[in-house]
Every structure is written in C-alpha cells, then in structure tokens.
Amino acid sequence: MNKTERTQSMDIPTRQRWLGVLANSEAAALQTLLSPHLPPPEHVEWLRQPQTGLVMVEGRTGGAGARFNLGEVAVTRASCRWQDLTGHGWVRGTDPAHAALIAQADALLQAPDRHPALMAAVIEPLADALRARRELASRQAAASKVEFFTMVRGE
C-alpha cells in the first residue's frame, strides 16, 4: 500500500479522535502505555522539534453568536517522520515531551499493521481514563450546583 492509498483509506474522524485523546491524556499515562511500542530513536526523524508558542482562542457570544477573541493559550507542537508516515502532536501547555509522544503515536497509528494493537493498548485505555476524569468533574460540579427560586409574596 503506497502513501496515497494509506492516506485515502484513513478515516479522518478516527484520526481526530485519537489525536484528541492523546492531547487530553495525562503525559505520564501516555508515556507508560506508549513506551513498549515506540521505535528506536534513530528511526524517528524530527521534522519539527517540540516548540512552545501561543494561539488565540475564540469564544462565541451565548455559545453560538458572534465570535470574539477570548485570549491566548500556550501550546506545544512537534512533528516527526517514521518510515514514510508523518505524525503531528499538539498539546495545550508547555510540555515538550508530551507533544513529542503525541507526534510519534500519530505516526505509528497511521501504520495499518500497528494500528489495531495501538488502538487497543494505548488509545482505548487513555480514552477510558479521560472519560472517567470528565465524569468525576461533572459529578463534582453537579454536587456544588445551587438552585435559585423566587417566592411571590401574597400581599
């Protein structure tokens, strides 16, 4: 399978999902799960070493209205090539090791022979942990919810 066929056969929403999971995962958990699958460092060509910068974050009035610039957020990005596959990693914050791991994971996940094993061993456990963290945050927020009501006095 050549590069064009592989790119055409890759499902973009699936790649977006795994990149989202990788970017929102904890760096230590990603390191632990991905380490056994990483190629030797000499087989990875760094197209862009991890570098940190700022990006503008936009908001919307009322969640769906007019756009406005909310502020800047720090992000770290990296790009690498493994064999003929290019991986990109972006992570919110200033963690170059996390961005480098995401880039390598992205390249490896594009390889048809490695994809199923990596999805099962890395992405699914990270997705489960992310889901658990979000559910915990949701429960904590719900526990602090205050309901206001107004009583009408009959005068």
Protein backbone atom coordinates (compact mmCIF):
# COMPACT_ATOMS: atom_id res chain seq x y z
CA MET A 1 0.00 0.00 0.00
CA ASN A 2 1.53 3.31 -1.03
CA LYS A 3 1.27 6.60 0.87
CA THR A 4 -1.65 7.92 -1.22
CA GLU A 5 -3.70 4.75 -0.74
CA ARG A 6 -2.99 4.76 3.00
CA THR A 7 -3.99 8.44 3.31
CA GLN A 8 -7.19 7.86 1.35
CA SER A 9 -8.08 4.80 3.42
CA MET A 10 -7.52 6.62 6.73
CA ASP A 11 -10.73 7.78 8.32
CA ILE A 12 -10.30 11.47 9.28
CA PRO A 13 -12.78 11.39 12.21
CA THR A 14 -10.92 8.37 13.63
CA ARG A 15 -7.61 10.24 13.45
CA GLN A 16 -9.21 13.31 15.03
CA ARG A 17 -10.49 11.11 17.84
CA TRP A 18 -7.12 9.55 18.63
CA LEU A 19 -5.36 12.93 18.43
CA GLY A 20 -7.95 14.38 20.82
CA VAL A 21 -7.48 11.51 23.25
CA LEU A 22 -3.69 11.85 23.08
CA ALA A 23 -3.77 15.63 23.56
CA ASN A 24 -6.12 15.41 26.55
CA SER A 25 -4.40 12.45 28.19
CA GLU A 26 -2.01 12.71 31.08
CA ALA A 27 1.59 12.70 29.84
CA ALA A 28 2.73 10.08 32.37
CA ALA A 29 -0.04 7.67 31.37
CA LEU A 30 0.76 8.16 27.68
CA GLN A 31 4.46 7.54 28.33
CA THR A 32 3.72 4.34 30.22
CA LEU A 33 1.34 2.90 27.62
CA LEU A 34 3.25 4.00 24.51
CA SER A 35 6.84 3.19 25.54
CA PRO A 36 6.75 -0.51 24.58
CA HIS A 37 5.53 0.42 21.08
CA LEU A 38 7.96 3.23 20.25
CA PRO A 39 10.53 2.64 17.51
CA PRO A 40 14.21 3.16 18.33
CA PRO A 41 15.03 6.91 18.47
CA GLU A 42 17.39 6.63 15.49
CA HIS A 43 14.43 5.56 13.30
CA VAL A 44 12.47 8.73 14.05
CA GLU A 45 13.25 11.85 12.00
CA TRP A 46 12.17 15.06 13.71
CA LEU A 47 10.69 17.48 11.21
CA ARG A 48 9.85 19.92 13.99
CA GLN A 49 11.36 19.51 17.43
CA PRO A 50 8.90 20.34 20.22
CA GLN A 51 8.38 24.08 20.39
CA THR A 52 6.06 26.18 22.51
CA GLY A 53 4.08 29.19 21.36
CA LEU A 54 0.74 30.93 21.76
CA VAL A 55 -2.51 30.58 19.86
CA MET A 56 -5.56 32.82 20.02
CA VAL A 57 -8.66 31.21 21.48
CA GLU A 58 -12.01 32.41 20.18
CA GLY A 59 -15.29 32.48 22.03
CA ARG A 60 -18.85 33.00 20.85
CA THR A 61 -21.45 35.24 22.38
CA GLY A 62 -24.01 32.98 24.04
CA GLY A 63 -22.13 29.93 22.74
CA ALA A 64 -23.42 30.33 19.18
CA GLY A 65 -23.38 34.06 18.42
CA ALA A 66 -20.72 36.43 17.16
CA ARG A 67 -17.08 35.39 17.53
CA PHE A 68 -14.67 37.29 19.72
CA ASN A 69 -11.04 36.80 20.78
CA LEU A 70 -11.10 35.32 24.26
CA GLY A 71 -7.35 35.26 24.88
CA GLU A 72 -4.16 33.37 24.20
CA VAL A 73 -3.22 29.90 25.36
CA ALA A 74 0.20 28.24 25.34
CA VAL A 75 0.56 25.18 23.12
CA THR A 76 3.49 22.92 22.33
CA ARG A 77 3.78 21.22 18.94
CA ALA A 78 6.05 18.66 17.34
CA SER A 79 6.24 16.77 14.03
CA CYS A 80 8.14 13.63 13.17
CA ARG A 81 8.51 11.09 10.39
CA TRP A 82 8.74 7.37 10.98
CA GLN A 83 9.26 5.30 7.83
CA ASP A 84 7.11 7.23 5.32
CA LEU A 85 4.49 8.32 7.88
CA THR A 86 4.32 11.82 9.31
CA GLY A 87 2.98 12.38 12.80
CA HIS A 88 1.95 15.66 14.39
CA GLY A 89 1.43 16.44 18.04
CA TRP A 90 -0.17 19.48 19.66
CA VAL A 91 -0.80 19.79 23.37
CA ARG A 92 -2.15 22.64 25.46
CA GLY A 93 0.56 23.92 27.80
CA THR A 94 4.33 23.77 27.79
CA ASP A 95 5.16 20.06 27.85
CA PRO A 96 7.61 19.22 25.02
CA ALA A 97 7.83 15.53 25.97
CA HIS A 98 4.03 15.16 25.73
CA ALA A 99 3.94 16.81 22.27
CA ALA A 100 6.79 14.55 21.08
CA LEU A 101 4.96 11.43 22.31
CA ILE A 102 1.77 12.51 20.54
CA ALA A 103 3.64 13.06 17.27
CA GLN A 104 5.24 9.62 17.47
CA ALA A 105 1.94 7.96 18.40
CA ASP A 106 0.21 9.71 15.49
CA ALA A 107 2.79 8.37 13.03
CA LEU A 108 2.62 4.85 14.45
CA LEU A 109 -1.19 4.81 14.46
CA GLN A 110 -1.20 5.50 10.72
CA ALA A 111 0.62 2.22 10.03
CA PRO A 112 -2.01 -0.41 9.12
CA ASP A 113 -0.01 -3.23 10.73
CA ARG A 114 0.35 -1.38 14.07
CA HIS A 115 -2.99 0.44 14.20
CA PRO A 116 -5.23 -2.23 15.83
CA ALA A 117 -2.69 -3.09 18.54
CA LEU A 118 -2.06 0.58 19.39
CA MET A 119 -5.76 1.40 19.49
CA ALA A 120 -6.32 -1.45 21.97
CA ALA A 121 -3.18 -0.94 24.08
CA VAL A 122 -2.90 2.87 24.10
CA ILE A 123 -5.90 4.82 22.82
CA GLU A 124 -8.74 2.86 24.44
CA PRO A 125 -7.21 2.87 27.96
CA LEU A 126 -6.45 6.59 27.64
CA ALA A 127 -9.99 7.27 26.38
CA ASP A 128 -11.43 5.34 29.34
CA ALA A 129 -9.29 7.33 31.79
CA LEU A 130 -10.30 10.59 30.10
CA ARG A 131 -13.98 9.62 30.27
CA ALA A 132 -13.62 8.78 33.99
CA ARG A 133 -11.91 12.14 34.69
CA ARG A 134 -14.68 14.01 32.87
CA GLU A 135 -17.43 12.10 34.71
CA LEU A 136 -15.76 12.85 38.06
CA ALA A 137 -15.51 16.56 37.19
CA SER A 138 -19.16 16.54 36.12
CA ARG A 139 -20.26 14.90 39.39
CA GLN A 140 -18.22 17.38 41.41
CA ALA A 141 -19.75 20.30 39.52
CA ALA A 142 -23.27 18.88 39.95
CA ALA A 143 -22.69 18.49 43.70
CA SER A 144 -21.97 22.20 44.00
CA LYS A 145 -24.96 23.30 41.92
CA VAL A 146 -27.17 25.87 43.58
CA GLU A 147 -30.80 26.22 42.52
CA PHE A 148 -32.36 29.62 42.92
CA PHE A 149 -36.06 30.22 43.06
CA THR A 150 -38.28 33.17 43.83
CA MET A 151 -41.32 33.06 46.03
CA VAL A 152 -44.09 35.50 45.32
CA ARG A 153 -45.49 37.02 48.43
CA GLY A 154 -49.23 37.39 48.51
CA GLU A 155 -49.65 40.98 49.62
